[in-house]
């Protein structure tokens, strides 16, 4: 009896891990923990144009761990503000990096340390796979393992979940991806920013940049 229960349990786990996430909970492959939904806390609609400190010039990305926001500075005193999932406290870093390169539908290869800590992790997850935790786009930072990327678990946006990377909704990272170039400055900080919403903006990026006078 114990053998049949064991086999059934294993079969059930394999089914769950090989199936796409279709509800509001799933396995966080980075940590091995089951996570629930917080989608109402930071939805994909939570994207806006805000006033931003004028000391930051256009073409920079500012990641605020305290705000749990990514700010893309698009002109002096203006930024697009996106909700993000930030690293766990023990995995956070602050400082300046530069964009080294970027990828569409990146593959994900867990590090040896990740696989030692969580033997459930696969050796590699191909790009475009519904359970790829890198999502649809990835922006790589310097020579580090840190990235700004999408996610297969949008309900984690607003949480402390990663091992150093910055997660965004796939639609948001796809928009940001189009504006990012190698060498672009990315600053991560614990600083809080007092911003005021100029407009919530859910239309195409071209409309947003027209609004800001770029076109």
C-alpha atoms as a PDB file:
ATOM      1  CA  UNK A   1       0.000   0.000   0.000  1.00  0.00           C
ATOM      2  CA  UNK A   2       2.774   2.465   0.911  1.00  0.00           C
ATOM      3  CA  UNK A   3       4.495   1.771  -2.418  1.00  0.00           C
ATOM      4  CA  UNK A   4       1.328   2.525  -4.434  1.00  0.00           C
ATOM      5  CA  UNK A   5       0.751   5.758  -2.485  1.00  0.00           C
ATOM      6  CA  UNK A   6       4.334   6.785  -3.067  1.00  0.00           C
ATOM      7  CA  UNK A   7       4.114   6.177  -6.810  1.00  0.00           C
ATOM      8  CA  UNK A   8       0.838   8.105  -6.998  1.00  0.00           C
ATOM      9  CA  UNK A   9       2.354  11.023  -5.120  1.00  0.00           C
ATOM     10  CA  UNK A  10       5.342  11.120  -7.435  1.00  0.00           C
ATOM     11  CA  UNK A  11       3.094  10.951 -10.487  1.00  0.00           C
ATOM     12  CA  UNK A  12       1.005  13.844  -9.174  1.00  0.00           C
ATOM     13  CA  UNK A  13       4.114  15.980  -8.582  1.00  0.00           C
ATOM     14  CA  UNK A  14       5.444  15.277 -12.080  1.00  0.00           C
ATOM     15  CA  UNK A  15       2.066  16.277 -13.549  1.00  0.00           C
ATOM     16  CA  UNK A  16       2.065  19.580 -11.656  1.00  0.00           C
ATOM     17  CA  UNK A  17       5.648  20.483 -12.572  1.00  0.00           C
ATOM     18  CA  UNK A  18       5.148  19.703 -16.249  1.00  0.00           C
ATOM     19  CA  UNK A  19       1.883  21.625 -16.593  1.00  0.00           C
ATOM     20  CA  UNK A  20       1.601  25.336 -17.321  1.00  0.00           C
ATOM     21  CA  UNK A  21       0.349  27.539 -14.502  1.00  0.00           C
ATOM     22  CA  UNK A  22      -3.283  28.305 -15.190  1.00  0.00           C
ATOM     23  CA  UNK A  23      -4.442  29.508 -11.775  1.00  0.00           C
ATOM     24  CA  UNK A  24      -3.254  31.929  -9.128  1.00  0.00           C
ATOM     25  CA  UNK A  25      -0.698  29.699  -7.431  1.00  0.00           C
ATOM     26  CA  UNK A  26       2.293  27.616  -8.422  1.00  0.00           C
ATOM     27  CA  UNK A  27       5.826  26.456  -7.629  1.00  0.00           C
ATOM     28  CA  UNK A  28       8.506  29.126  -7.421  1.00  0.00           C
ATOM     29  CA  UNK A  29      11.326  27.306  -9.174  1.00  0.00           C
ATOM     30  CA  UNK A  30      13.921  29.708  -7.820  1.00  0.00           C
ATOM     31  CA  UNK A  31      13.159  28.868  -4.192  1.00  0.00           C
ATOM     32  CA  UNK A  32      11.207  25.624  -4.356  1.00  0.00           C
ATOM     33  CA  UNK A  33       8.324  27.173  -2.428  1.00  0.00           C
ATOM     34  CA  UNK A  34       4.634  27.124  -3.295  1.00  0.00           C
ATOM     35  CA  UNK A  35       3.308  30.626  -3.658  1.00  0.00           C
ATOM     36  CA  UNK A  36      -0.188  32.068  -3.748  1.00  0.00           C
ATOM     37  CA  UNK A  37      -1.837  34.983  -5.459  1.00  0.00           C
ATOM     38  CA  UNK A  38      -1.241  38.672  -4.775  1.00  0.00           C
ATOM     39  CA  UNK A  39      -2.334  39.805  -8.216  1.00  0.00           C
ATOM     40  CA  UNK A  40      -4.775  42.348  -6.779  1.00  0.00           C
ATOM     41  CA  UNK A  41      -1.954  44.137  -4.976  1.00  0.00           C
ATOM     42  CA  UNK A  42      -0.036  45.055  -8.123  1.00  0.00           C
ATOM     43  CA  UNK A  43      -1.889  44.423 -11.336  1.00  0.00           C
ATOM     44  CA  UNK A  44      -0.674  44.909 -14.875  1.00  0.00           C
ATOM     45  CA  UNK A  45      -2.710  48.128 -14.973  1.00  0.00           C
ATOM     46  CA  UNK A  46      -0.471  49.607 -12.265  1.00  0.00           C
ATOM     47  CA  UNK A  47       1.775  51.405 -14.747  1.00  0.00           C
ATOM     48  CA  UNK A  48       1.907  55.161 -14.929  1.00  0.00           C
ATOM     49  CA  UNK A  49       3.804  58.259 -15.928  1.00  0.00           C
ATOM     50  CA  UNK A  50       5.076  60.144 -12.891  1.00  0.00           C
ATOM     51  CA  UNK A  51       6.981  63.254 -11.948  1.00  0.00           C
ATOM     52  CA  UNK A  52      10.518  62.211 -11.033  1.00  0.00           C
ATOM     53  CA  UNK A  53      13.515  63.984  -9.436  1.00  0.00           C
ATOM     54  CA  UNK A  54      15.145  66.191 -12.060  1.00  0.00           C
ATOM     55  CA  UNK A  55      18.634  65.061 -11.060  1.00  0.00           C
ATOM     56  CA  UNK A  56      18.171  61.948 -13.188  1.00  0.00           C
ATOM     57  CA  UNK A  57      18.669  62.369 -16.915  1.00  0.00           C
ATOM     58  CA  UNK A  58      16.666  60.631 -19.619  1.00  0.00           C
ATOM     59  CA  UNK A  59      17.720  57.134 -20.594  1.00  0.00           C
ATOM     60  CA  UNK A  60      18.287  55.758 -17.103  1.00  0.00           C
ATOM     61  CA  UNK A  61      16.575  52.977 -15.177  1.00  0.00           C
ATOM     62  CA  UNK A  62      16.148  53.320 -11.427  1.00  0.00           C
ATOM     63  CA  UNK A  63      15.105  50.286  -9.382  1.00  0.00           C
ATOM     64  CA  UNK A  64      13.752  51.122  -5.927  1.00  0.00           C
ATOM     65  CA  UNK A  65      13.596  48.145  -3.593  1.00  0.00           C
ATOM     66  CA  UNK A  66      11.680  50.214  -1.045  1.00  0.00           C
ATOM     67  CA  UNK A  67       9.051  51.377  -3.537  1.00  0.00           C
ATOM     68  CA  UNK A  68       9.009  48.037  -5.351  1.00  0.00           C
ATOM     69  CA  UNK A  69       8.976  50.059  -8.552  1.00  0.00           C
ATOM     70  CA  UNK A  70      11.161  50.349 -11.626  1.00  0.00           C
ATOM     71  CA  UNK A  71      11.420  53.882 -13.016  1.00  0.00           C
ATOM     72  CA  UNK A  72      12.412  54.413 -16.623  1.00  0.00           C
ATOM     73  CA  UNK A  73      13.408  58.063 -16.925  1.00  0.00           C
ATOM     74  CA  UNK A  74      12.141  59.282 -20.288  1.00  0.00           C
ATOM     75  CA  UNK A  75      12.769  63.024 -19.934  1.00  0.00           C
ATOM     76  CA  UNK A  76      14.010  65.436 -17.295  1.00  0.00           C
ATOM     77  CA  UNK A  77      11.487  65.215 -14.453  1.00  0.00           C
ATOM     78  CA  UNK A  78       9.413  62.419 -16.030  1.00  0.00           C
ATOM     79  CA  UNK A  79       9.552  58.637 -15.698  1.00  0.00           C
ATOM     80  CA  UNK A  80       7.434  55.621 -16.465  1.00  0.00           C
ATOM     81  CA  UNK A  81       6.779  53.749 -13.238  1.00  0.00           C
ATOM     82  CA  UNK A  82       6.300  49.980 -13.294  1.00  0.00           C
ATOM     83  CA  UNK A  83       5.447  47.572 -10.455  1.00  0.00           C
ATOM     84  CA  UNK A  84       8.113  44.933  -9.887  1.00  0.00           C
ATOM     85  CA  UNK A  85       8.980  41.928  -7.777  1.00  0.00           C
ATOM     86  CA  UNK A  86      12.238  42.529  -5.920  1.00  0.00           C
ATOM     87  CA  UNK A  87      14.931  40.263  -4.487  1.00  0.00           C
ATOM     88  CA  UNK A  88      14.608  38.668  -1.098  1.00  0.00           C
ATOM     89  CA  UNK A  89      16.362  40.719   1.632  1.00  0.00           C
ATOM     90  CA  UNK A  90      19.392  38.405   1.678  1.00  0.00           C
ATOM     91  CA  UNK A  91      19.773  38.668  -2.106  1.00  0.00           C
ATOM     92  CA  UNK A  92      19.442  42.421  -2.609  1.00  0.00           C
ATOM     93  CA  UNK A  93      22.203  44.565  -4.043  1.00  0.00           C
ATOM     94  CA  UNK A  94      22.572  48.260  -4.572  1.00  0.00           C
ATOM     95  CA  UNK A  95      24.752  50.219  -6.933  1.00  0.00           C
ATOM     96  CA  UNK A  96      25.138  50.913 -10.629  1.00  0.00           C
ATOM     97  CA  UNK A  97      25.340  48.473 -13.504  1.00  0.00           C
ATOM     98  CA  UNK A  98      25.128  48.881 -17.264  1.00  0.00           C
ATOM     99  CA  UNK A  99      22.970  46.914 -19.654  1.00  0.00           C
ATOM    100  CA  UNK A 100      25.274  44.372 -21.287  1.00  0.00           C
ATOM    101  CA  UNK A 101      22.807  42.684 -23.651  1.00  0.00           C
ATOM    102  CA  UNK A 102      19.197  41.590 -23.938  1.00  0.00           C
ATOM    103  CA  UNK A 103      17.329  38.529 -25.158  1.00  0.00           C
ATOM    104  CA  UNK A 104      13.886  37.638 -26.511  1.00  0.00           C
ATOM    105  CA  UNK A 105      12.412  34.521 -24.874  1.00  0.00           C
ATOM    106  CA  UNK A 106      15.617  33.704 -22.975  1.00  0.00           C
ATOM    107  CA  UNK A 107      16.440  30.232 -21.800  1.00  0.00           C
ATOM    108  CA  UNK A 108      16.886  29.749 -18.071  1.00  0.00           C
ATOM    109  CA  UNK A 109      19.743  27.680 -16.683  1.00  0.00           C
ATOM    110  CA  UNK A 110      19.719  27.363 -12.880  1.00  0.00           C
ATOM    111  CA  UNK A 111      23.138  27.727 -11.297  1.00  0.00           C
ATOM    112  CA  UNK A 112      24.831  24.742  -9.650  1.00  0.00           C
ATOM    113  CA  UNK A 113      24.139  26.317  -6.259  1.00  0.00           C
ATOM    114  CA  UNK A 114      20.427  26.672  -7.038  1.00  0.00           C
ATOM    115  CA  UNK A 115      20.238  23.010  -8.049  1.00  0.00           C
ATOM    116  CA  UNK A 116      22.033  21.899  -4.884  1.00  0.00           C
ATOM    117  CA  UNK A 117      19.591  23.896  -2.783  1.00  0.00           C
ATOM    118  CA  UNK A 118      16.592  22.739  -4.794  1.00  0.00           C
ATOM    119  CA  UNK A 119      17.077  19.375  -6.549  1.00  0.00           C
ATOM    120  CA  UNK A 120      13.622  19.769  -8.165  1.00  0.00           C
ATOM    121  CA  UNK A 121      15.033  22.328 -10.568  1.00  0.00           C
ATOM    122  CA  UNK A 122      15.564  21.212 -14.174  1.00  0.00           C
ATOM    123  CA  UNK A 123      18.955  21.681 -15.811  1.00  0.00           C
ATOM    124  CA  UNK A 124      17.536  24.083 -18.360  1.00  0.00           C
ATOM    125  CA  UNK A 125      14.167  25.561 -19.287  1.00  0.00           C
ATOM    126  CA  UNK A 126      13.870  26.606 -22.949  1.00  0.00           C
ATOM    127  CA  UNK A 127      12.784  30.084 -23.931  1.00  0.00           C
ATOM    128  CA  UNK A 128       9.072  30.413 -24.541  1.00  0.00           C
ATOM    129  CA  UNK A 129       8.183  27.545 -22.196  1.00  0.00           C
ATOM    130  CA  UNK A 130       5.152  28.478 -20.055  1.00  0.00           C
ATOM    131  CA  UNK A 131       7.076  27.605 -16.876  1.00  0.00           C
ATOM    132  CA  UNK A 132      10.205  29.576 -17.773  1.00  0.00           C
ATOM    133  CA  UNK A 133      10.676  31.997 -14.839  1.00  0.00           C
ATOM    134  CA  UNK A 134      12.496  34.471 -17.109  1.00  0.00           C
ATOM    135  CA  UNK A 135       9.313  35.283 -18.993  1.00  0.00           C
ATOM    136  CA  UNK A 136       9.278  36.739 -22.486  1.00  0.00           C
ATOM    137  CA  UNK A 137      12.254  39.153 -22.290  1.00  0.00           C
ATOM    138  CA  UNK A 138      15.460  39.546 -20.309  1.00  0.00           C
ATOM    139  CA  UNK A 139      17.787  42.519 -19.905  1.00  0.00           C
ATOM    140  CA  UNK A 140      21.211  41.494 -18.585  1.00  0.00           C
ATOM    141  CA  UNK A 141      23.172  43.728 -16.221  1.00  0.00           C
ATOM    142  CA  UNK A 142      26.935  43.988 -16.548  1.00  0.00           C
ATOM    143  CA  UNK A 143      28.882  40.802 -15.853  1.00  0.00           C
ATOM    144  CA  UNK A 144      26.552  39.821 -13.034  1.00  0.00           C
ATOM    145  CA  UNK A 145      23.868  37.159 -12.884  1.00  0.00           C
ATOM    146  CA  UNK A 146      21.288  39.906 -12.288  1.00  0.00           C
ATOM    147  CA  UNK A 147      18.630  40.584 -14.873  1.00  0.00           C
ATOM    148  CA  UNK A 148      15.489  42.570 -15.408  1.00  0.00           C
ATOM    149  CA  UNK A 149      13.083  40.052 -16.840  1.00  0.00           C
ATOM    150  CA  UNK A 150       9.486  38.968 -17.264  1.00  0.00           C
ATOM    151  CA  UNK A 151       7.865  36.197 -15.293  1.00  0.00           C
ATOM    152  CA  UNK A 152       5.698  33.106 -15.597  1.00  0.00           C
ATOM    153  CA  UNK A 153       4.221  34.007 -12.193  1.00  0.00           C
ATOM    154  CA  UNK A 154       2.676  37.489 -12.482  1.00  0.00           C
ATOM    155  CA  UNK A 155       1.062  37.188  -9.051  1.00  0.00           C
ATOM    156  CA  UNK A 156       4.556  37.544  -7.516  1.00  0.00           C
ATOM    157  CA  UNK A 157       4.795  41.161  -8.670  1.00  0.00           C
ATOM    158  CA  UNK A 158       5.031  43.291  -5.535  1.00  0.00           C
ATOM    159  CA  UNK A 159       6.687  40.554  -3.474  1.00  0.00           C
ATOM    160  CA  UNK A 160      10.234  39.788  -2.269  1.00  0.00           C
ATOM    161  CA  UNK A 161      10.919  36.607  -4.176  1.00  0.00           C
ATOM    162  CA  UNK A 162      14.040  36.495  -6.353  1.00  0.00           C
ATOM    163  CA  UNK A 163      17.723  35.780  -5.872  1.00  0.00           C
ATOM    164  CA  UNK A 164      18.773  39.178  -7.136  1.00  0.00           C
ATOM    165  CA  UNK A 165      16.805  39.678 -10.340  1.00  0.00           C
ATOM    166  CA  UNK A 166      14.032  42.190 -10.997  1.00  0.00           C
ATOM    167  CA  UNK A 167      10.739  40.743 -12.253  1.00  0.00           C
ATOM    168  CA  UNK A 168       8.186  42.605 -14.322  1.00  0.00           C
ATOM    169  CA  UNK A 169       4.926  41.744 -16.013  1.00  0.00           C
ATOM    170  CA  UNK A 170       5.731  40.367 -19.446  1.00  0.00           C
ATOM    171  CA  UNK A 171       3.849  43.189 -21.178  1.00  0.00           C
ATOM    172  CA  UNK A 172       5.871  45.748 -19.208  1.00  0.00           C
ATOM    173  CA  UNK A 173       9.275  44.199 -19.833  1.00  0.00           C
ATOM    174  CA  UNK A 174       8.428  43.886 -23.524  1.00  0.00           C
ATOM    175  CA  UNK A 175       7.729  47.608 -23.633  1.00  0.00           C
ATOM    176  CA  UNK A 176      10.900  48.455 -21.702  1.00  0.00           C
ATOM    177  CA  UNK A 177      12.943  46.087 -23.870  1.00  0.00           C
ATOM    178  CA  UNK A 178      12.231  48.195 -26.952  1.00  0.00           C
ATOM    179  CA  UNK A 179      13.707  51.291 -25.281  1.00  0.00           C
ATOM    180  CA  UNK A 180      16.786  49.715 -23.699  1.00  0.00           C
ATOM    181  CA  UNK A 181      20.193  49.793 -25.362  1.00  0.00           C
ATOM    182  CA  UNK A 182      23.515  48.238 -24.318  1.00  0.00           C
ATOM    183  CA  UNK A 183      25.401  50.580 -22.013  1.00  0.00           C
ATOM    184  CA  UNK A 184      22.247  52.037 -20.488  1.00  0.00           C
ATOM    185  CA  UNK A 185      22.699  52.933 -16.808  1.00  0.00           C
ATOM    186  CA  UNK A 186      20.742  50.920 -14.239  1.00  0.00           C
ATOM    187  CA  UNK A 187      20.805  52.013 -10.595  1.00  0.00           C
ATOM    188  CA  UNK A 188      19.374  49.910  -7.790  1.00  0.00           C
ATOM    189  CA  UNK A 189      18.708  51.640  -4.502  1.00  0.00           C
ATOM    190  CA  UNK A 190      16.823  51.463  -1.217  1.00  0.00           C
ATOM    191  CA  UNK A 191      15.780  55.082  -1.651  1.00  0.00           C
ATOM    192  CA  UNK A 192      12.093  55.926  -1.672  1.00  0.00           C
ATOM    193  CA  UNK A 193      10.862  58.356  -4.300  1.00  0.00           C
ATOM    194  CA  UNK A 194       8.010  60.765  -3.768  1.00  0.00           C
ATOM    195  CA  UNK A 195       6.333  60.759  -7.137  1.00  0.00           C
ATOM    196  CA  UNK A 196       3.087  62.212  -8.401  1.00  0.00           C
ATOM    197  CA  UNK A 197       1.138  60.520 -11.147  1.00  0.00           C
ATOM    198  CA  UNK A 198       0.968  62.536 -14.350  1.00  0.00           C
ATOM    199  CA  UNK A 199      -1.246  60.018 -16.092  1.00  0.00           C
ATOM    200  CA  UNK A 200      -2.038  56.337 -15.943  1.00  0.00           C
ATOM    201  CA  UNK A 201      -1.157  54.978 -19.356  1.00  0.00           C
ATOM    202  CA  UNK A 202      -2.222  51.636 -20.762  1.00  0.00           C
ATOM    203  CA  UNK A 203      -2.060  52.401 -24.482  1.00  0.00           C
ATOM    204  CA  UNK A 204       0.724  51.544 -26.897  1.00  0.00           C
ATOM    205  CA  UNK A 205       4.214  52.860 -26.039  1.00  0.00           C
ATOM    206  CA  UNK A 206       4.163  55.103 -29.117  1.00  0.00           C
ATOM    207  CA  UNK A 207       1.178  56.958 -27.666  1.00  0.00           C
ATOM    208  CA  UNK A 208       3.001  57.437 -24.381  1.00  0.00           C
ATOM    209  CA  UNK A 209       6.116  58.869 -25.981  1.00  0.00           C
ATOM    210  CA  UNK A 210       3.975  61.125 -28.127  1.00  0.00           C
ATOM    211  CA  UNK A 211       2.342  62.353 -24.923  1.00  0.00           C
ATOM    212  CA  UNK A 212       5.756  63.210 -23.494  1.00  0.00           C
ATOM    213  CA  UNK A 213       6.736  65.098 -26.633  1.00  0.00           C
ATOM    214  CA  UNK A 214       9.238  62.567 -27.978  1.00  0.00           C
ATOM    215  CA  UNK A 215       7.560  62.298 -31.401  1.00  0.00           C
END
